[in-house]
């Protein structure tokens, strides 16, 4: 299992890959063109050493180029993990899970790659303690998660792949 977690940083869902591709396309076709045009216009205003618009445009262009390089390299590295019917009934990468703690409070998470981690969407990284504790579990299993404040016990109520469909 440790080999899996060491390679987990390159795993991504199909939706995650599409999101990175969409960002790359937007940066290249829209953001970079608009910023390059703004820099060209600012440069036409004369002395560049005291031209705040020119300096800001060049700084933004460097940021865009840095992100473009990162995205191109990252898209070459990532490994898309597609859903397989063999996963049904167990928690694997890409699963949505519903958990319940001892107080009866429920939580819902999706296990995704590090590029997709998003607390607002309840997306947790495959490398997180919660995800690591969940991998391979089945509905009704107890899940013990090591947290900074100690061990926490959760019960696995539901596993779903694809879009989460509330009851």
C-alpha atoms as a PDB file:
ATOM      1  CA  UNK A   1       0.000   0.000   0.000  1.00  0.00           C
ATOM      2  CA  UNK A   2       2.899   2.423   0.613  1.00  0.00           C
ATOM      3  CA  UNK A   3       3.859   2.272  -3.083  1.00  0.00           C
ATOM      4  CA  UNK A   4       0.347   3.385  -3.937  1.00  0.00           C
ATOM      5  CA  UNK A   5       0.528   6.436  -1.689  1.00  0.00           C
ATOM      6  CA  UNK A   6       3.963   7.444  -2.989  1.00  0.00           C
ATOM      7  CA  UNK A   7       2.558   7.528  -6.537  1.00  0.00           C
ATOM      8  CA  UNK A   8      -0.746   9.071  -5.430  1.00  0.00           C
ATOM      9  CA  UNK A   9       0.462  12.619  -6.089  1.00  0.00           C
ATOM     10  CA  UNK A  10       0.086  12.029  -9.846  1.00  0.00           C
ATOM     11  CA  UNK A  11      -3.414  10.565  -9.709  1.00  0.00           C
ATOM     12  CA  UNK A  12      -6.311  12.639 -11.002  1.00  0.00           C
ATOM     13  CA  UNK A  13      -9.970  12.108 -11.840  1.00  0.00           C
ATOM     14  CA  UNK A  14     -11.145  12.631 -15.428  1.00  0.00           C
ATOM     15  CA  UNK A  15     -12.945  15.793 -14.254  1.00  0.00           C
ATOM     16  CA  UNK A  16      -9.750  17.036 -12.638  1.00  0.00           C
ATOM     17  CA  UNK A  17      -7.766  16.588 -15.838  1.00  0.00           C
ATOM     18  CA  UNK A  18     -10.426  18.425 -17.831  1.00  0.00           C
ATOM     19  CA  UNK A  19     -10.282  21.263 -15.315  1.00  0.00           C
ATOM     20  CA  UNK A  20      -6.491  21.592 -15.682  1.00  0.00           C
ATOM     21  CA  UNK A  21      -6.812  21.488 -19.481  1.00  0.00           C
ATOM     22  CA  UNK A  22      -9.514  24.157 -19.377  1.00  0.00           C
ATOM     23  CA  UNK A  23      -7.334  26.403 -17.198  1.00  0.00           C
ATOM     24  CA  UNK A  24      -4.375  25.920 -19.546  1.00  0.00           C
ATOM     25  CA  UNK A  25      -6.500  26.776 -22.576  1.00  0.00           C
ATOM     26  CA  UNK A  26      -7.982  29.872 -20.909  1.00  0.00           C
ATOM     27  CA  UNK A  27      -4.585  31.150 -19.786  1.00  0.00           C
ATOM     28  CA  UNK A  28      -3.044  30.591 -23.217  1.00  0.00           C
ATOM     29  CA  UNK A  29      -5.833  31.788 -25.477  1.00  0.00           C
ATOM     30  CA  UNK A  30      -7.347  34.592 -23.390  1.00  0.00           C
ATOM     31  CA  UNK A  31      -5.337  35.764 -20.365  1.00  0.00           C
ATOM     32  CA  UNK A  32      -1.941  35.729 -22.048  1.00  0.00           C
ATOM     33  CA  UNK A  33      -3.192  37.464 -25.218  1.00  0.00           C
ATOM     34  CA  UNK A  34      -4.980  40.183 -23.256  1.00  0.00           C
ATOM     35  CA  UNK A  35      -1.994  40.750 -20.981  1.00  0.00           C
ATOM     36  CA  UNK A  36       0.447  40.849 -23.909  1.00  0.00           C
ATOM     37  CA  UNK A  37      -1.783  43.432 -25.611  1.00  0.00           C
ATOM     38  CA  UNK A  38      -1.915  45.527 -22.423  1.00  0.00           C
ATOM     39  CA  UNK A  39       1.891  45.415 -22.084  1.00  0.00           C
ATOM     40  CA  UNK A  40       2.307  46.456 -25.717  1.00  0.00           C
ATOM     41  CA  UNK A  41      -0.063  49.386 -25.206  1.00  0.00           C
ATOM     42  CA  UNK A  42       1.644  50.416 -21.952  1.00  0.00           C
ATOM     43  CA  UNK A  43       5.072  50.250 -23.639  1.00  0.00           C
ATOM     44  CA  UNK A  44       3.838  52.688 -26.294  1.00  0.00           C
ATOM     45  CA  UNK A  45       3.347  55.331 -23.589  1.00  0.00           C
ATOM     46  CA  UNK A  46       7.058  56.039 -23.383  1.00  0.00           C
ATOM     47  CA  UNK A  47       9.585  55.597 -20.572  1.00  0.00           C
ATOM     48  CA  UNK A  48       9.205  52.038 -19.291  1.00  0.00           C
ATOM     49  CA  UNK A  49      11.286  52.590 -16.148  1.00  0.00           C
ATOM     50  CA  UNK A  50       8.538  54.746 -14.602  1.00  0.00           C
ATOM     51  CA  UNK A  51       5.552  53.112 -16.274  1.00  0.00           C
ATOM     52  CA  UNK A  52       3.526  51.298 -13.583  1.00  0.00           C
ATOM     53  CA  UNK A  53       1.103  49.763 -16.111  1.00  0.00           C
ATOM     54  CA  UNK A  54       4.006  48.317 -18.098  1.00  0.00           C
ATOM     55  CA  UNK A  55       5.727  46.909 -14.983  1.00  0.00           C
ATOM     56  CA  UNK A  56       2.489  45.411 -13.666  1.00  0.00           C
ATOM     57  CA  UNK A  57       1.705  43.890 -17.056  1.00  0.00           C
ATOM     58  CA  UNK A  58       5.160  42.297 -17.287  1.00  0.00           C
ATOM     59  CA  UNK A  59       4.779  40.905 -13.752  1.00  0.00           C
ATOM     60  CA  UNK A  60       1.380  39.432 -14.632  1.00  0.00           C
ATOM     61  CA  UNK A  61       2.782  37.989 -17.857  1.00  0.00           C
ATOM     62  CA  UNK A  62       5.554  36.233 -15.877  1.00  0.00           C
ATOM     63  CA  UNK A  63       2.925  34.758 -13.520  1.00  0.00           C
ATOM     64  CA  UNK A  64       0.849  33.507 -16.447  1.00  0.00           C
ATOM     65  CA  UNK A  65       3.902  31.985 -18.152  1.00  0.00           C
ATOM     66  CA  UNK A  66       4.982  30.295 -14.905  1.00  0.00           C
ATOM     67  CA  UNK A  67       1.501  28.776 -14.475  1.00  0.00           C
ATOM     68  CA  UNK A  68       1.413  27.692 -18.138  1.00  0.00           C
ATOM     69  CA  UNK A  69       4.756  25.881 -17.736  1.00  0.00           C
ATOM     70  CA  UNK A  70       3.512  24.203 -14.564  1.00  0.00           C
ATOM     71  CA  UNK A  71       0.233  23.070 -16.164  1.00  0.00           C
ATOM     72  CA  UNK A  72       1.908  21.693 -19.293  1.00  0.00           C
ATOM     73  CA  UNK A  73       4.390  19.721 -17.209  1.00  0.00           C
ATOM     74  CA  UNK A  74       1.721  18.555 -14.776  1.00  0.00           C
ATOM     75  CA  UNK A  75      -0.598  17.350 -17.545  1.00  0.00           C
ATOM     76  CA  UNK A  76       2.253  15.179 -18.850  1.00  0.00           C
ATOM     77  CA  UNK A  77       2.745  13.655 -15.387  1.00  0.00           C
ATOM     78  CA  UNK A  78      -0.784  12.983 -14.153  1.00  0.00           C
ATOM     79  CA  UNK A  79      -2.425   9.593 -14.445  1.00  0.00           C
ATOM     80  CA  UNK A  80      -6.180   9.665 -14.942  1.00  0.00           C
ATOM     81  CA  UNK A  81      -7.993   7.096 -12.821  1.00  0.00           C
ATOM     82  CA  UNK A  82     -11.224   6.019 -14.479  1.00  0.00           C
ATOM     83  CA  UNK A  83     -14.064   4.397 -12.597  1.00  0.00           C
ATOM     84  CA  UNK A  84     -14.196   0.613 -12.821  1.00  0.00           C
ATOM     85  CA  UNK A  85     -17.235  -1.522 -11.906  1.00  0.00           C
ATOM     86  CA  UNK A  86     -14.850  -3.676  -9.855  1.00  0.00           C
ATOM     87  CA  UNK A  87     -14.605  -0.783  -7.373  1.00  0.00           C
ATOM     88  CA  UNK A  88     -18.295  -1.028  -6.433  1.00  0.00           C
ATOM     89  CA  UNK A  89     -18.812  -1.629  -2.733  1.00  0.00           C
ATOM     90  CA  UNK A  90     -15.354  -0.457  -1.642  1.00  0.00           C
ATOM     91  CA  UNK A  91     -13.675   2.901  -1.248  1.00  0.00           C
ATOM     92  CA  UNK A  92     -11.085   3.721  -3.881  1.00  0.00           C
ATOM     93  CA  UNK A  93      -9.781   6.831  -5.585  1.00  0.00           C
ATOM     94  CA  UNK A  94     -12.602   9.021  -6.913  1.00  0.00           C
ATOM     95  CA  UNK A  95     -15.234   7.702  -4.481  1.00  0.00           C
ATOM     96  CA  UNK A  96     -17.757   9.834  -2.673  1.00  0.00           C
ATOM     97  CA  UNK A  97     -18.232   8.653   0.907  1.00  0.00           C
ATOM     98  CA  UNK A  98     -20.708   9.478   3.615  1.00  0.00           C
ATOM     99  CA  UNK A  99     -19.455   9.074   7.166  1.00  0.00           C
ATOM    100  CA  UNK A 100     -21.044   9.353  10.571  1.00  0.00           C
ATOM    101  CA  UNK A 101     -19.266   9.985  13.861  1.00  0.00           C
ATOM    102  CA  UNK A 102     -20.221   8.741  17.312  1.00  0.00           C
ATOM    103  CA  UNK A 103     -22.334  11.853  17.931  1.00  0.00           C
ATOM    104  CA  UNK A 104     -24.440  11.101  14.823  1.00  0.00           C
ATOM    105  CA  UNK A 105     -22.985  13.958  12.762  1.00  0.00           C
ATOM    106  CA  UNK A 106     -22.490  13.140   9.096  1.00  0.00           C
ATOM    107  CA  UNK A 107     -19.832  14.255   6.643  1.00  0.00           C
ATOM    108  CA  UNK A 108     -19.470  13.702   2.915  1.00  0.00           C
ATOM    109  CA  UNK A 109     -16.138  13.645   1.045  1.00  0.00           C
ATOM    110  CA  UNK A 110     -14.731  12.758  -2.348  1.00  0.00           C
ATOM    111  CA  UNK A 111     -11.259  11.252  -2.542  1.00  0.00           C
ATOM    112  CA  UNK A 112      -9.246  13.010  -5.241  1.00  0.00           C
ATOM    113  CA  UNK A 113      -5.671  13.794  -6.257  1.00  0.00           C
ATOM    114  CA  UNK A 114      -3.642  16.653  -4.801  1.00  0.00           C
ATOM    115  CA  UNK A 115      -4.371  18.843  -7.856  1.00  0.00           C
ATOM    116  CA  UNK A 116      -8.107  18.637  -7.112  1.00  0.00           C
ATOM    117  CA  UNK A 117      -8.129  19.114  -3.328  1.00  0.00           C
ATOM    118  CA  UNK A 118     -10.887  21.622  -2.516  1.00  0.00           C
ATOM    119  CA  UNK A 119     -12.408  21.860   0.974  1.00  0.00           C
ATOM    120  CA  UNK A 120     -15.354  23.921  -0.313  1.00  0.00           C
ATOM    121  CA  UNK A 121     -16.398  21.036  -2.570  1.00  0.00           C
ATOM    122  CA  UNK A 122     -15.611  18.432   0.151  1.00  0.00           C
ATOM    123  CA  UNK A 123     -12.777  17.071  -2.010  1.00  0.00           C
ATOM    124  CA  UNK A 124     -10.035  15.536   0.133  1.00  0.00           C
ATOM    125  CA  UNK A 125      -6.602  14.478  -1.049  1.00  0.00           C
ATOM    126  CA  UNK A 126      -5.810  10.789  -1.396  1.00  0.00           C
ATOM    127  CA  UNK A 127      -2.835  11.544   0.866  1.00  0.00           C
ATOM    128  CA  UNK A 128      -4.958  12.907   3.727  1.00  0.00           C
ATOM    129  CA  UNK A 129      -5.293  10.833   6.912  1.00  0.00           C
ATOM    130  CA  UNK A 130      -9.036  10.463   6.298  1.00  0.00           C
ATOM    131  CA  UNK A 131      -8.602   9.171   2.733  1.00  0.00           C
ATOM    132  CA  UNK A 132      -5.804   6.836   3.760  1.00  0.00           C
ATOM    133  CA  UNK A 133      -8.030   5.351   6.474  1.00  0.00           C
ATOM    134  CA  UNK A 134     -10.941   4.950   4.034  1.00  0.00           C
ATOM    135  CA  UNK A 135      -9.207   3.182   1.133  1.00  0.00           C
ATOM    136  CA  UNK A 136     -10.473  -0.397   0.800  1.00  0.00           C
ATOM    137  CA  UNK A 137     -13.271   0.002   3.357  1.00  0.00           C
ATOM    138  CA  UNK A 138     -16.874  -1.084   2.789  1.00  0.00           C
ATOM    139  CA  UNK A 139     -20.251   0.241   3.943  1.00  0.00           C
ATOM    140  CA  UNK A 140     -20.789  -0.320   7.695  1.00  0.00           C
ATOM    141  CA  UNK A 141     -17.039  -0.534   8.370  1.00  0.00           C
ATOM    142  CA  UNK A 142     -15.575   1.457  11.243  1.00  0.00           C
ATOM    143  CA  UNK A 143     -12.912   3.931  10.171  1.00  0.00           C
ATOM    144  CA  UNK A 144     -10.344   5.151  12.670  1.00  0.00           C
ATOM    145  CA  UNK A 145      -8.637   8.363  11.606  1.00  0.00           C
ATOM    146  CA  UNK A 146      -5.512   9.694  13.312  1.00  0.00           C
ATOM    147  CA  UNK A 147      -5.914  13.462  13.767  1.00  0.00           C
ATOM    148  CA  UNK A 148      -3.751  16.031  15.572  1.00  0.00           C
ATOM    149  CA  UNK A 149      -6.190  15.858  18.506  1.00  0.00           C
ATOM    150  CA  UNK A 150      -6.127  12.056  18.633  1.00  0.00           C
ATOM    151  CA  UNK A 151      -7.954   9.155  17.028  1.00  0.00           C
ATOM    152  CA  UNK A 152     -11.472   9.722  15.720  1.00  0.00           C
ATOM    153  CA  UNK A 153     -13.983   6.983  14.971  1.00  0.00           C
ATOM    154  CA  UNK A 154     -16.280   7.199  11.949  1.00  0.00           C
ATOM    155  CA  UNK A 155     -18.787   4.768  10.459  1.00  0.00           C
ATOM    156  CA  UNK A 156     -18.925   4.384   6.693  1.00  0.00           C
ATOM    157  CA  UNK A 157     -22.581   4.772   5.637  1.00  0.00           C
ATOM    158  CA  UNK A 158     -22.378   5.125   1.878  1.00  0.00           C
ATOM    159  CA  UNK A 159     -20.003   4.833  -1.083  1.00  0.00           C
ATOM    160  CA  UNK A 160     -20.764   6.248  -4.495  1.00  0.00           C
ATOM    161  CA  UNK A 161     -18.855   6.806  -7.720  1.00  0.00           C
ATOM    162  CA  UNK A 162     -19.700   9.522 -10.217  1.00  0.00           C
ATOM    163  CA  UNK A 163     -21.917  12.422  -9.201  1.00  0.00           C
ATOM    164  CA  UNK A 164     -23.222  12.457  -5.651  1.00  0.00           C
ATOM    165  CA  UNK A 165     -26.967  11.940  -5.614  1.00  0.00           C
ATOM    166  CA  UNK A 166     -28.468  13.004  -2.294  1.00  0.00           C
ATOM    167  CA  UNK A 167     -31.287  10.807  -0.950  1.00  0.00           C
END
